[in-house]
Amino acid sequence: MINRVIQRHEPKEKVFKSLVQDFYRDNPDVDVATVCIYEGKPKRSKAQSDLYFVWKDILANEVGDSKPDMHKTLKKKFIGGRSTKELTIPEFVDFLRDIDMLASEYGITLPKTNSYQEAMYGKY
């Protein structure tokens, strides 16, 4: 599934064309797809989600915790147990910053690659 936030005042033709092309490139065996538009706030981006799972896995390995338990711990500590899927993009940026600060307190360096730049400063 591909999600993208669109704004009323922004051009959309290129966005939709890009989404369709990306979807069929990533799913070459699919013949039919459905586009659904709904009102809502921007949710976390794919880059944010990808970065979170890498960081969560690193933390779990470093502290000897399971990945699901680390996920629960981070949610409880920083977002009151809410689902990460409910977070808006700015809320997810704050969540990632909190995780990065926690890691640095324990002397754990988390990678900050291009996905980090896109996750933290990418387009909303």
PDB file of N, CA and C in Angstrom:
ATOM      1  N   MET A   1       0.842  -1.172   0.000  1.00  0.00           N
ATOM      2  CA  MET A   1       0.000   0.000   0.000  1.00  0.00           C
ATOM      3  C   MET A   1       0.890   1.239   0.000  1.00  0.00           C
ATOM      4  N   ILE A   2       0.484   2.247  -0.735  1.00  0.00           N
ATOM      5  CA  ILE A   2       1.205   3.504  -0.811  1.00  0.00           C
ATOM      6  C   ILE A   2       0.273   4.601  -0.315  1.00  0.00           C
ATOM      7  N   ASN A   3       0.774   5.441   0.578  1.00  0.00           N
ATOM      8  CA  ASN A   3       0.001   6.575   1.072  1.00  0.00           C
ATOM      9  C   ASN A   3       0.714   7.856   0.703  1.00  0.00           C
ATOM     10  N   ARG A   4      -0.047   8.876   0.422  1.00  0.00           N
ATOM     11  CA  ARG A   4       0.536  10.176   0.115  1.00  0.00           C
ATOM     12  C   ARG A   4      -0.462  11.248   0.513  1.00  0.00           C
ATOM     13  N   VAL A   5      -0.002  12.268   1.170  1.00  0.00           N
ATOM     14  CA  VAL A   5      -0.855  13.387   1.548  1.00  0.00           C
ATOM     15  C   VAL A   5      -0.929  14.347   0.379  1.00  0.00           C
ATOM     16  N   ILE A   6      -2.139  14.765   0.060  1.00  0.00           N
ATOM     17  CA  ILE A   6      -2.323  15.764  -0.991  1.00  0.00           C
ATOM     18  C   ILE A   6      -3.025  16.972  -0.380  1.00  0.00           C
ATOM     19  N   GLN A   7      -2.711  18.122  -0.916  1.00  0.00           N
ATOM     20  CA  GLN A   7      -3.311  19.370  -0.444  1.00  0.00           C
ATOM     21  C   GLN A   7      -4.155  19.965  -1.566  1.00  0.00           C
ATOM     22  N   ARG A   8      -5.249  20.604  -1.193  1.00  0.00           N
ATOM     23  CA  ARG A   8      -6.154  21.195  -2.184  1.00  0.00           C
ATOM     24  C   ARG A   8      -5.419  22.175  -3.115  1.00  0.00           C
ATOM     25  N   HIS A   9      -4.536  22.972  -2.571  1.00  0.00           N
ATOM     26  CA  HIS A   9      -3.892  24.036  -3.332  1.00  0.00           C
ATOM     27  C   HIS A   9      -2.645  23.591  -4.104  1.00  0.00           C
ATOM     28  N   GLU A  10      -2.294  22.339  -4.045  1.00  0.00           N
ATOM     29  CA  GLU A  10      -1.095  21.856  -4.742  1.00  0.00           C
ATOM     30  C   GLU A  10      -1.483  21.063  -5.993  1.00  0.00           C
ATOM     31  N   PRO A  11      -0.632  21.106  -7.034  1.00  0.00           N
ATOM     32  CA  PRO A  11      -0.905  20.311  -8.239  1.00  0.00           C
ATOM     33  C   PRO A  11      -0.924  18.818  -7.897  1.00  0.00           C
ATOM     34  N   LYS A  12      -1.811  18.092  -8.537  1.00  0.00           N
ATOM     35  CA  LYS A  12      -1.985  16.682  -8.181  1.00  0.00           C
ATOM     36  C   LYS A  12      -1.666  15.700  -9.303  1.00  0.00           C
ATOM     37  N   GLU A  13      -1.690  16.136 -10.539  1.00  0.00           N
ATOM     38  CA  GLU A  13      -1.512  15.217 -11.656  1.00  0.00           C
ATOM     39  C   GLU A  13      -0.213  14.423 -11.542  1.00  0.00           C
ATOM     40  N   LYS A  14       0.898  15.108 -11.260  1.00  0.00           N
ATOM     41  CA  LYS A  14       2.197  14.429 -11.144  1.00  0.00           C
ATOM     42  C   LYS A  14       2.213  13.472  -9.957  1.00  0.00           C
ATOM     43  N   VAL A  15       1.549  13.857  -8.861  1.00  0.00           N
ATOM     44  CA  VAL A  15       1.505  13.014  -7.661  1.00  0.00           C
ATOM     45  C   VAL A  15       0.810  11.700  -7.973  1.00  0.00           C
ATOM     46  N   PHE A  16      -0.379  11.781  -8.588  1.00  0.00           N
ATOM     47  CA  PHE A  16      -1.121  10.567  -8.892  1.00  0.00           C
ATOM     48  C   PHE A  16      -0.388   9.693  -9.902  1.00  0.00           C
ATOM     49  N   LYS A  17       0.178  10.317 -10.908  1.00  0.00           N
ATOM     50  CA  LYS A  17       0.922   9.561 -11.921  1.00  0.00           C
ATOM     51  C   LYS A  17       2.103   8.833 -11.267  1.00  0.00           C
ATOM     52  N   SER A  18       2.815   9.532 -10.408  1.00  0.00           N
ATOM     53  CA  SER A  18       3.963   8.943  -9.713  1.00  0.00           C
ATOM     54  C   SER A  18       3.530   7.788  -8.814  1.00  0.00           C
ATOM     55  N   LEU A  19       2.440   7.973  -8.093  1.00  0.00           N
ATOM     56  CA  LEU A  19       1.946   6.909  -7.207  1.00  0.00           C
ATOM     57  C   LEU A  19       1.584   5.652  -7.991  1.00  0.00           C
ATOM     58  N   VAL A  20       0.896   5.838  -9.103  1.00  0.00           N
ATOM     59  CA  VAL A  20       0.501   4.694  -9.935  1.00  0.00           C
ATOM     60  C   VAL A  20       1.736   3.989 -10.492  1.00  0.00           C
ATOM     61  N   GLN A  21       2.676   4.765 -11.010  1.00  0.00           N
ATOM     62  CA  GLN A  21       3.891   4.172 -11.559  1.00  0.00           C
ATOM     63  C   GLN A  21       4.682   3.429 -10.486  1.00  0.00           C
ATOM     64  N   ASP A  22       4.815   4.040  -9.316  1.00  0.00           N
ATOM     65  CA  ASP A  22       5.535   3.392  -8.208  1.00  0.00           C
ATOM     66  C   ASP A  22       4.844   2.102  -7.794  1.00  0.00           C
ATOM     67  N   PHE A  23       3.514   2.147  -7.695  1.00  0.00           N
ATOM     68  CA  PHE A  23       2.779   0.959  -7.269  1.00  0.00           C
ATOM     69  C   PHE A  23       2.996  -0.200  -8.240  1.00  0.00           C
ATOM     70  N   TYR A  24       2.814   0.051  -9.532  1.00  0.00           N
ATOM     71  CA  TYR A  24       2.961  -1.038 -10.511  1.00  0.00           C
ATOM     72  C   TYR A  24       4.412  -1.478 -10.680  1.00  0.00           C
ATOM     73  N   ARG A  25       5.370  -0.591 -10.473  1.00  0.00           N
ATOM     74  CA  ARG A  25       6.776  -0.991 -10.497  1.00  0.00           C
ATOM     75  C   ARG A  25       7.070  -1.941  -9.333  1.00  0.00           C
ATOM     76  N   ASP A  26       6.536  -1.614  -8.145  1.00  0.00           N
ATOM     77  CA  ASP A  26       6.780  -2.423  -6.955  1.00  0.00           C
ATOM     78  C   ASP A  26       5.924  -3.682  -6.898  1.00  0.00           C
ATOM     79  N   ASN A  27       4.866  -3.741  -7.718  1.00  0.00           N
ATOM     80  CA  ASN A  27       3.945  -4.879  -7.724  1.00  0.00           C
ATOM     81  C   ASN A  27       3.696  -5.339  -9.156  1.00  0.00           C
ATOM     82  N   PRO A  28       4.701  -5.903  -9.815  1.00  0.00           N
ATOM     83  CA  PRO A  28       4.587  -6.218 -11.241  1.00  0.00           C
ATOM     84  C   PRO A  28       3.543  -7.285 -11.576  1.00  0.00           C
ATOM     85  N   ASP A  29       3.132  -8.075 -10.597  1.00  0.00           N
ATOM     86  CA  ASP A  29       2.147  -9.124 -10.861  1.00  0.00           C
ATOM     87  C   ASP A  29       0.711  -8.658 -10.652  1.00  0.00           C
ATOM     88  N   VAL A  30       0.512  -7.431 -10.226  1.00  0.00           N
ATOM     89  CA  VAL A  30      -0.831  -6.916  -9.964  1.00  0.00           C
ATOM     90  C   VAL A  30      -1.391  -6.287 -11.237  1.00  0.00           C
ATOM     91  N   ASP A  31      -2.626  -6.665 -11.562  1.00  0.00           N
ATOM     92  CA  ASP A  31      -3.276  -6.115 -12.749  1.00  0.00           C
ATOM     93  C   ASP A  31      -4.268  -5.004 -12.417  1.00  0.00           C
ATOM     94  N   VAL A  32      -4.840  -5.031 -11.210  1.00  0.00           N
ATOM     95  CA  VAL A  32      -5.860  -4.062 -10.828  1.00  0.00           C
ATOM     96  C   VAL A  32      -5.518  -3.483  -9.460  1.00  0.00           C
ATOM     97  N   ALA A  33      -5.646  -2.179  -9.336  1.00  0.00           N
ATOM     98  CA  ALA A  33      -5.408  -1.507  -8.053  1.00  0.00           C
ATOM     99  C   ALA A  33      -6.556  -0.535  -7.800  1.00  0.00           C
ATOM    100  N   THR A  34      -6.736  -0.147  -6.553  1.00  0.00           N
ATOM    101  CA  THR A  34      -7.797   0.777  -6.175  1.00  0.00           C
ATOM    102  C   THR A  34      -7.187   2.020  -5.548  1.00  0.00           C
ATOM    103  N   VAL A  35      -7.658   3.176  -5.986  1.00  0.00           N
ATOM    104  CA  VAL A  35      -7.236   4.449  -5.404  1.00  0.00           C
ATOM    105  C   VAL A  35      -8.346   4.906  -4.474  1.00  0.00           C
ATOM    106  N   CYS A  36      -7.967   5.299  -3.269  1.00  0.00           N
ATOM    107  CA  CYS A  36      -8.943   5.748  -2.285  1.00  0.00           C
ATOM    108  C   CYS A  36      -8.470   7.078  -1.705  1.00  0.00           C
ATOM    109  N   ILE A  37      -9.327   8.072  -1.720  1.00  0.00           N
ATOM    110  CA  ILE A  37      -8.989   9.376  -1.156  1.00  0.00           C
ATOM    111  C   ILE A  37      -9.914   9.619   0.020  1.00  0.00           C
ATOM    112  N   TYR A  38      -9.339  10.022   1.144  1.00  0.00           N
ATOM    113  CA  TYR A  38     -10.158  10.311   2.312  1.00  0.00           C
ATOM    114  C   TYR A  38      -9.590  11.513   3.052  1.00  0.00           C
ATOM    115  N   GLU A  39     -10.470  12.183   3.753  1.00  0.00           N
ATOM    116  CA  GLU A  39     -10.056  13.342   4.526  1.00  0.00           C
ATOM    117  C   GLU A  39      -9.244  12.880   5.721  1.00  0.00           C
ATOM    118  N   GLY A  40      -8.209  13.593   6.017  1.00  0.00           N
ATOM    119  CA  GLY A  40      -7.457  13.218   7.202  1.00  0.00           C
ATOM    120  C   GLY A  40      -6.140  13.942   7.312  1.00  0.00           C
ATOM    121  N   LYS A  41      -5.589  13.853   8.501  1.00  0.00           N
ATOM    122  CA  LYS A  41      -4.289  14.439   8.762  1.00  0.00           C
ATOM    123  C   LYS A  41      -3.207  13.529   8.206  1.00  0.00           C
ATOM    124  N   PRO A  42      -2.076  14.098   7.836  1.00  0.00           N
ATOM    125  CA  PRO A  42      -0.981  13.263   7.359  1.00  0.00           C
ATOM    126  C   PRO A  42      -0.518  12.295   8.438  1.00  0.00           C
ATOM    127  N   LYS A  43      -0.388  11.046   8.085  1.00  0.00           N
ATOM    128  CA  LYS A  43       0.140  10.040   9.001  1.00  0.00           C
ATOM    129  C   LYS A  43       1.624   9.873   8.735  1.00  0.00           C
ATOM    130  N   ARG A  44       2.264   9.081   9.556  1.00  0.00           N
ATOM    131  CA  ARG A  44       3.706   8.894   9.403  1.00  0.00           C
ATOM    132  C   ARG A  44       4.052   8.511   7.967  1.00  0.00           C
ATOM    133  N   SER A  45       5.218   8.936   7.552  1.00  0.00           N
ATOM    134  CA  SER A  45       5.655   8.639   6.192  1.00  0.00           C
ATOM    135  C   SER A  45       6.323   7.265   6.152  1.00  0.00           C
ATOM    136  N   LYS A  46       6.488   6.744   4.957  1.00  0.00           N
ATOM    137  CA  LYS A  46       7.170   5.460   4.794  1.00  0.00           C
ATOM    138  C   LYS A  46       8.608   5.567   5.293  1.00  0.00           C
ATOM    139  N   ALA A  47       9.265   6.690   5.000  1.00  0.00           N
ATOM    140  CA  ALA A  47      10.646   6.883   5.467  1.00  0.00           C
ATOM    141  C   ALA A  47      10.709   6.861   6.987  1.00  0.00           C
ATOM    142  N   GLN A  48       9.722   7.464   7.644  1.00  0.00           N
ATOM    143  CA  GLN A  48       9.696   7.461   9.101  1.00  0.00           C
ATOM    144  C   GLN A  48       9.492   6.042   9.629  1.00  0.00           C
ATOM    145  N   SER A  49       8.568   5.330   9.032  1.00  0.00           N
ATOM    146  CA  SER A  49       8.292   3.960   9.450  1.00  0.00           C
ATOM    147  C   SER A  49       9.522   3.076   9.268  1.00  0.00           C
ATOM    148  N   ASP A  50      10.161   3.187   8.115  1.00  0.00           N
ATOM    149  CA  ASP A  50      11.357   2.384   7.834  1.00  0.00           C
ATOM    150  C   ASP A  50      12.474   2.682   8.831  1.00  0.00           C
ATOM    151  N   LEU A  51      12.705   3.978   9.091  1.00  0.00           N
ATOM    152  CA  LEU A  51      13.749   4.370  10.026  1.00  0.00           C
ATOM    153  C   LEU A  51      13.428   3.873  11.433  1.00  0.00           C
ATOM    154  N   TYR A  52      12.182   3.990  11.843  1.00  0.00           N
ATOM    155  CA  TYR A  52      11.780   3.527  13.169  1.00  0.00           C
ATOM    156  C   TYR A  52      12.080   2.040  13.350  1.00  0.00           C
ATOM    157  N   PHE A  53      11.715   1.222  12.374  1.00  0.00           N
ATOM    158  CA  PHE A  53      11.923  -0.216  12.523  1.00  0.00           C
ATOM    159  C   PHE A  53      13.404  -0.579  12.577  1.00  0.00           C
ATOM    160  N   VAL A  54      14.241   0.138  11.832  1.00  0.00           N
ATOM    161  CA  VAL A  54      15.690  -0.089  11.912  1.00  0.00           C
ATOM    162  C   VAL A  54      16.191   0.280  13.303  1.00  0.00           C
ATOM    163  N   TRP A  55      15.813   1.462  13.772  1.00  0.00           N
ATOM    164  CA  TRP A  55      16.258   1.927  15.084  1.00  0.00           C
ATOM    165  C   TRP A  55      15.748   1.021  16.208  1.00  0.00           C
ATOM    166  N   LYS A  56      14.484   0.626  16.139  1.00  0.00           N
ATOM    167  CA  LYS A  56      13.895  -0.243  17.161  1.00  0.00           C
ATOM    168  C   LYS A  56      14.659  -1.569  17.228  1.00  0.00           C
ATOM    169  N   ASP A  57      14.968  -2.123  16.077  1.00  0.00           N
ATOM    170  CA  ASP A  57      15.693  -3.392  16.031  1.00  0.00           C
ATOM    171  C   ASP A  57      17.101  -3.250  16.615  1.00  0.00           C
ATOM    172  N   ILE A  58      17.765  -2.148  16.310  1.00  0.00           N
ATOM    173  CA  ILE A  58      19.105  -1.908  16.866  1.00  0.00           C
ATOM    174  C   ILE A  58      19.029  -1.812  18.389  1.00  0.00           C
ATOM    175  N   LEU A  59      18.082  -1.038  18.891  1.00  0.00           N
ATOM    176  CA  LEU A  59      17.930  -0.896  20.340  1.00  0.00           C
ATOM    177  C   LEU A  59      17.626  -2.241  21.000  1.00  0.00           C
ATOM    178  N   ALA A  60      16.733  -3.004  20.392  1.00  0.00           N
ATOM    179  CA  ALA A  60      16.386  -4.322  20.942  1.00  0.00           C
ATOM    180  C   ALA A  60      17.626  -5.204  21.033  1.00  0.00           C
ATOM    181  N   ASN A  61      18.429  -5.213  19.985  1.00  0.00           N
ATOM    182  CA  ASN A  61      19.657  -6.024  19.984  1.00  0.00           C
ATOM    183  C   ASN A  61      20.659  -5.541  21.024  1.00  0.00           C
ATOM    184  N   GLU A  62      20.795  -4.226  21.145  1.00  0.00           N
ATOM    185  CA  GLU A  62      21.769  -3.661  22.077  1.00  0.00           C
ATOM    186  C   GLU A  62      21.418  -3.935  23.540  1.00  0.00           C
ATOM    187  N   VAL A  63      20.146  -3.889  23.864  1.00  0.00           N
ATOM    188  CA  VAL A  63      19.750  -4.077  25.270  1.00  0.00           C
ATOM    189  C   VAL A  63      19.284  -5.500  25.567  1.00  0.00           C
ATOM    190  N   GLY A  64      19.285  -6.357  24.551  1.00  0.00           N
ATOM    191  CA  GLY A  64      18.904  -7.754  24.756  1.00  0.00           C
ATOM    192  C   GLY A  64      17.412  -7.957  24.948  1.00  0.00           C
ATOM    193  N   ASP A  65      16.625  -7.108  24.316  1.00  0.00           N
ATOM    194  CA  ASP A  65      15.168  -7.197  24.408  1.00  0.00           C
ATOM    195  C   ASP A  65      14.637  -7.754  23.089  1.00  0.00           C
ATOM    196  N   SER A  66      13.420  -8.287  23.127  1.00  0.00           N
ATOM    197  CA  SER A  66      12.818  -8.724  21.869  1.00  0.00           C
ATOM    198  C   SER A  66      12.320  -7.489  21.120  1.00  0.00           C
ATOM    199  N   LYS A  67      12.180  -7.621  19.825  1.00  0.00           N
ATOM    200  CA  LYS A  67      11.709  -6.496  19.014  1.00  0.00           C
ATOM    201  C   LYS A  67      10.297  -6.066  19.408  1.00  0.00           C
ATOM    202  N   PRO A  68       9.358  -7.013  19.614  1.00  0.00           N
ATOM    203  CA  PRO A  68       8.016  -6.597  20.042  1.00  0.00           C
ATOM    204  C   PRO A  68       8.015  -5.912  21.412  1.00  0.00           C
ATOM    205  N   ASP A  69       8.847  -6.392  22.325  1.00  0.00           N
ATOM    206  CA  ASP A  69       8.915  -5.760  23.639  1.00  0.00           C
ATOM    207  C   ASP A  69       9.527  -4.369  23.556  1.00  0.00           C
ATOM    208  N   MET A  70      10.530  -4.200  22.703  1.00  0.00           N
ATOM    209  CA  MET A  70      11.131  -2.880  22.529  1.00  0.00           C
ATOM    210  C   MET A  70      10.101  -1.913  21.949  1.00  0.00           C
ATOM    211  N   HIS A  71       9.311  -2.385  21.009  1.00  0.00           N
ATOM    212  CA  HIS A  71       8.249  -1.563  20.410  1.00  0.00           C
ATOM    213  C   HIS A  71       7.280  -1.095  21.510  1.00  0.00           C
ATOM    214  N   LYS A  72       6.856  -2.014  22.348  1.00  0.00           N
ATOM    215  CA  LYS A  72       5.934  -1.668  23.442  1.00  0.00           C
ATOM    216  C   LYS A  72       6.569  -0.677  24.407  1.00  0.00           C
ATOM    217  N   THR A  73       7.831  -0.898  24.720  1.00  0.00           N
ATOM    218  CA  THR A  73       8.543  -0.017  25.648  1.00  0.00           C
ATOM    219  C   THR A  73       8.629   1.407  25.103  1.00  0.00           C
ATOM    220  N   LEU A  74       9.004   1.540  23.844  1.00  0.00           N
ATOM    221  CA  LEU A  74       9.139   2.864  23.238  1.00  0.00           C
ATOM    222  C   LEU A  74       7.795   3.575  23.146  1.00  0.00           C
ATOM    223  N   LYS A  75       6.757   2.834  22.780  1.00  0.00           N
ATOM    224  CA  LYS A  75       5.420   3.432  22.714  1.00  0.00           C
ATOM    225  C   LYS A  75       4.980   3.922  24.092  1.00  0.00           C
ATOM    226  N   LYS A  76       5.178   3.087  25.098  1.00  0.00           N
ATOM    227  CA  LYS A  76       4.753   3.448  26.454  1.00  0.00           C
ATOM    228  C   LYS A  76       5.534   4.663  26.971  1.00  0.00           C
ATOM    229  N   LYS A  77       6.827   4.660  26.753  1.00  0.00           N
ATOM    230  CA  LYS A  77       7.688   5.721  27.274  1.00  0.00           C
ATOM    231  C   LYS A  77       7.442   7.073  26.605  1.00  0.00           C
ATOM    232  N   PHE A  78       7.224   7.070  25.293  1.00  0.00           N
ATOM    233  CA  PHE A  78       7.200   8.333  24.564  1.00  0.00           C
ATOM    234  C   PHE A  78       5.838   8.777  24.028  1.00  0.00           C
ATOM    235  N   ILE A  79       4.921   7.842  23.815  1.00  0.00           N
ATOM    236  CA  ILE A  79       3.623   8.263  23.252  1.00  0.00           C
ATOM    237  C   ILE A  79       2.443   7.692  24.036  1.00  0.00           C
ATOM    238  N   GLY A  80       2.691   7.369  25.286  1.00  0.00           N
ATOM    239  CA  GLY A  80       1.613   6.927  26.166  1.00  0.00           C
ATOM    240  C   GLY A  80       0.933   5.647  25.728  1.00  0.00           C
ATOM    241  N   GLY A  81       1.654   4.792  25.003  1.00  0.00           N
ATOM    242  CA  GLY A  81       1.097   3.515  24.574  1.00  0.00           C
ATOM    243  C   GLY A  81       0.266   3.589  23.306  1.00  0.00           C
ATOM    244  N   ARG A  82       0.089   4.788  22.747  1.00  0.00           N
ATOM    245  CA  ARG A  82      -0.675   4.920  21.499  1.00  0.00           C
ATOM    246  C   ARG A  82      -0.012   4.126  20.386  1.00  0.00           C
ATOM    247  N   SER A  83      -0.786   3.805  19.376  1.00  0.00           N
ATOM    248  CA  SER A  83      -0.244   3.133  18.208  1.00  0.00           C
ATOM    249  C   SER A  83       0.605   4.121  17.414  1.00  0.00           C
ATOM    250  N   THR A  84       1.745   3.677  16.929  1.00  0.00           N
ATOM    251  CA  THR A  84       2.579   4.540  16.100  1.00  0.00           C
ATOM    252  C   THR A  84       1.873   4.878  14.786  1.00  0.00           C
ATOM    253  N   LYS A  85       0.926   4.054  14.378  1.00  0.00           N
ATOM    254  CA  LYS A  85       0.195   4.306  13.141  1.00  0.00           C
ATOM    255  C   LYS A  85      -0.738   5.503  13.263  1.00  0.00           C
ATOM    256  N   GLU A  86      -1.052   5.907  14.490  1.00  0.00           N
ATOM    257  CA  GLU A  86      -1.938   7.039  14.718  1.00  0.00           C
ATOM    258  C   GLU A  86      -1.198   8.378  14.665  1.00  0.00           C
ATOM    259  N   LEU A  87       0.114   8.341  14.723  1.00  0.00           N
ATOM    260  CA  LEU A  87       0.892   9.575  14.812  1.00  0.00           C
ATOM    261  C   LEU A  87       0.909  10.332  13.491  1.00  0.00           C
ATOM    262  N   THR A  88       0.802  11.640  13.594  1.00  0.00           N
ATOM    263  CA  THR A  88       0.967  12.476  12.412  1.00  0.00           C
ATOM    264  C   THR A  88       2.460  12.546  12.103  1.00  0.00           C
ATOM    265  N   ILE A  89       2.800  13.082  10.976  1.00  0.00           N
ATOM    266  CA  ILE A  89       4.206  13.180  10.588  1.00  0.00           C
ATOM    267  C   ILE A  89       5.002  14.001  11.607  1.00  0.00           C
ATOM    268  N   PRO A  90       4.517  15.192  12.015  1.00  0.00           N
ATOM    269  CA  PRO A  90       5.280  15.938  13.032  1.00  0.00           C
ATOM    270  C   PRO A  90       5.384  15.193  14.370  1.00  0.00           C
ATOM    271  N   GLU A  91       4.333  14.497  14.775  1.00  0.00           N
ATOM    272  CA  GLU A  91       4.392  13.715  16.011  1.00  0.00           C
ATOM    273  C   GLU A  91       5.419  12.592  15.893  1.00  0.00           C
ATOM    274  N   PHE A  92       5.507  12.000  14.702  1.00  0.00           N
ATOM    275  CA  PHE A  92       6.466  10.917  14.510  1.00  0.00           C
ATOM    276  C   PHE A  92       7.896  11.452  14.524  1.00  0.00           C
ATOM    277  N   VAL A  93       8.096  12.665  14.033  1.00  0.00           N
ATOM    278  CA  VAL A  93       9.418  13.292  14.113  1.00  0.00           C
ATOM    279  C   VAL A  93       9.824  13.421  15.574  1.00  0.00           C
ATOM    280  N   ASP A  94       8.910  13.903  16.417  1.00  0.00           N
ATOM    281  CA  ASP A  94       9.193  14.023  17.849  1.00  0.00           C
ATOM    282  C   ASP A  94       9.493  12.656  18.469  1.00  0.00           C
ATOM    283  N   PHE A  95       8.734  11.651  18.090  1.00  0.00           N
ATOM    284  CA  PHE A  95       8.929  10.280  18.587  1.00  0.00           C
ATOM    285  C   PHE A  95      10.328   9.783  18.218  1.00  0.00           C
ATOM    286  N   LEU A  96      10.733   9.998  16.966  1.00  0.00           N
ATOM    287  CA  LEU A  96      12.061   9.571  16.525  1.00  0.00           C
ATOM    288  C   LEU A  96      13.165  10.326  17.265  1.00  0.00           C
ATOM    289  N   ARG A  97      12.961  11.616  17.490  1.00  0.00           N
ATOM    290  CA  ARG A  97      13.951  12.401  18.238  1.00  0.00           C
ATOM    291  C   ARG A  97      14.095  11.879  19.668  1.00  0.00           C
ATOM    292  N   ASP A  98      12.966  11.541  20.287  1.00  0.00           N
ATOM    293  CA  ASP A  98      13.008  10.989  21.641  1.00  0.00           C
ATOM    294  C   ASP A  98      13.784   9.674  21.668  1.00  0.00           C
ATOM    295  N   ILE A  99      13.557   8.836  20.691  1.00  0.00           N
ATOM    296  CA  ILE A  99      14.257   7.549  20.603  1.00  0.00           C
ATOM    297  C   ILE A  99      15.754   7.782  20.418  1.00  0.00           C
ATOM    298  N   ASP A 100      16.118   8.724  19.555  1.00  0.00           N
ATOM    299  CA  ASP A 100      17.522   9.028  19.309  1.00  0.00           C
ATOM    300  C   ASP A 100      18.200   9.533  20.584  1.00  0.00           C
ATOM    301  N   MET A 101      17.509  10.391  21.335  1.00  0.00           N
ATOM    302  CA  MET A 101      18.081  10.908  22.591  1.00  0.00           C
ATOM    303  C   MET A 101      18.239   9.790  23.624  1.00  0.00           C
ATOM    304  N   LEU A 102      17.256   8.903  23.697  1.00  0.00           N
ATOM    305  CA  LEU A 102      17.342   7.767  24.620  1.00  0.00           C
ATOM    306  C   LEU A 102      18.539   6.892  24.263  1.00  0.00           C
ATOM    307  N   ALA A 103      18.692   6.605  22.987  1.00  0.00           N
ATOM    308  CA  ALA A 103      19.814   5.772  22.541  1.00  0.00           C
ATOM    309  C   ALA A 103      21.141   6.421  22.914  1.00  0.00           C
ATOM    310  N   SER A 104      21.254   7.730  22.680  1.00  0.00           N
ATOM    311  CA  SER A 104      22.519   8.403  22.988  1.00  0.00           C
ATOM    312  C   SER A 104      22.802   8.402  24.487  1.00  0.00           C
ATOM    313  N   GLU A 105      21.770   8.440  25.320  1.00  0.00           N
ATOM    314  CA  GLU A 105      21.961   8.355  26.776  1.00  0.00           C
ATOM    315  C   GLU A 105      22.604   7.024  27.173  1.00  0.00           C
ATOM    316  N   TYR A 106      22.343   5.986  26.382  1.00  0.00           N
ATOM    317  CA  TYR A 106      22.911   4.663  26.642  1.00  0.00           C
ATOM    318  C   TYR A 106      24.153   4.394  25.810  1.00  0.00           C
ATOM    319  N   GLY A 107      24.645   5.416  25.133  1.00  0.00           N
ATOM    320  CA  GLY A 107      25.846   5.255  24.325  1.00  0.00           C
ATOM    321  C   GLY A 107      25.626   4.485  23.037  1.00  0.00           C
ATOM    322  N   ILE A 108      24.395   4.441  22.576  1.00  0.00           N
ATOM    323  CA  ILE A 108      24.066   3.729  21.340  1.00  0.00           C
ATOM    324  C   ILE A 108      23.921   4.767  20.227  1.00  0.00           C
ATOM    325  N   THR A 109      24.693   4.594  19.164  1.00  0.00           N
ATOM    326  CA  THR A 109      24.619   5.499  18.025  1.00  0.00           C
ATOM    327  C   THR A 109      23.715   4.889  16.973  1.00  0.00           C
ATOM    328  N   LEU A 110      22.653   5.596  16.645  1.00  0.00           N
ATOM    329  CA  LEU A 110      21.717   5.116  15.627  1.00  0.00           C
ATOM    330  C   LEU A 110      22.106   5.713  14.276  1.00  0.00           C
ATOM    331  N   PRO A 111      21.967   4.946  13.194  1.00  0.00           N
ATOM    332  CA  PRO A 111      22.375   5.436  11.873  1.00  0.00           C
ATOM    333  C   PRO A 111      21.502   6.602  11.405  1.00  0.00           C
ATOM    334  N   LYS A 112      22.148   7.552  10.767  1.00  0.00           N
ATOM    335  CA  LYS A 112      21.439   8.712  10.206  1.00  0.00           C
ATOM    336  C   LYS A 112      21.813   8.831   8.732  1.00  0.00           C
ATOM    337  N   THR A 113      21.225   7.972   7.944  1.00  0.00           N
ATOM    338  CA  THR A 113      21.487   7.918   6.504  1.00  0.00           C
ATOM    339  C   THR A 113      20.516   8.832   5.765  1.00  0.00           C
ATOM    340  N   ASN A 114      20.410   8.651   4.469  1.00  0.00           N
ATOM    341  CA  ASN A 114      19.455   9.427   3.679  1.00  0.00           C
ATOM    342  C   ASN A 114      18.032   9.219   4.160  1.00  0.00           C
ATOM    343  N   SER A 115      17.716   8.019   4.632  1.00  0.00           N
ATOM    344  CA  SER A 115      16.364   7.777   5.141  1.00  0.00           C
ATOM    345  C   SER A 115      16.093   8.649   6.366  1.00  0.00           C
ATOM    346  N   TYR A 116      17.132   8.927   7.138  1.00  0.00           N
ATOM    347  CA  TYR A 116      16.979   9.818   8.295  1.00  0.00           C
ATOM    348  C   TYR A 116      16.598  11.219   7.822  1.00  0.00           C
ATOM    349  N   GLN A 117      17.299  11.718   6.825  1.00  0.00           N
ATOM    350  CA  GLN A 117      17.015  13.054   6.309  1.00  0.00           C
ATOM    351  C   GLN A 117      15.581  13.145   5.796  1.00  0.00           C
ATOM    352  N   GLU A 118      15.161  12.138   5.048  1.00  0.00           N
ATOM    353  CA  GLU A 118      13.802  12.136   4.505  1.00  0.00           C
ATOM    354  C   GLU A 118      12.767  11.996   5.625  1.00  0.00           C
ATOM    355  N   ALA A 119      13.042  11.149   6.600  1.00  0.00           N
ATOM    356  CA  ALA A 119      12.105  10.927   7.705  1.00  0.00           C
ATOM    357  C   ALA A 119      11.931  12.170   8.563  1.00  0.00           C
ATOM    358  N   MET A 120      13.007  12.875   8.799  1.00  0.00           N
ATOM    359  CA  MET A 120      12.959  14.020   9.702  1.00  0.00           C
ATOM    360  C   MET A 120      12.649  15.339   9.007  1.00  0.00           C
ATOM    361  N   TYR A 121      13.056  15.460   7.742  1.00  0.00           N
ATOM    362  CA  TYR A 121      12.917  16.749   7.062  1.00  0.00           C
ATOM    363  C   TYR A 121      12.211  16.647   5.720  1.00  0.00           C
ATOM    364  N   GLY A 122      11.679  15.459   5.413  1.00  0.00           N
ATOM    365  CA  GLY A 122      11.056  15.234   4.113  1.00  0.00           C
ATOM    366  C   GLY A 122       9.765  16.005   3.937  1.00  0.00           C
ATOM    367  N   LYS A 123       9.183  15.884   2.764  1.00  0.00           N
ATOM    368  CA  LYS A 123       7.935  16.569   2.458  1.00  0.00           C
ATOM    369  C   LYS A 123       6.802  15.917   3.222  1.00  0.00           C
ATOM    370  N   TYR A 124       5.884  16.734   3.681  1.00  0.00           N
ATOM    371  CA  TYR A 124       4.701  16.236   4.407  1.00  0.00           C
ATOM    372  C   TYR A 124       3.547  16.132   3.459  1.00  0.00           C
TER     373      TYR A 124
END
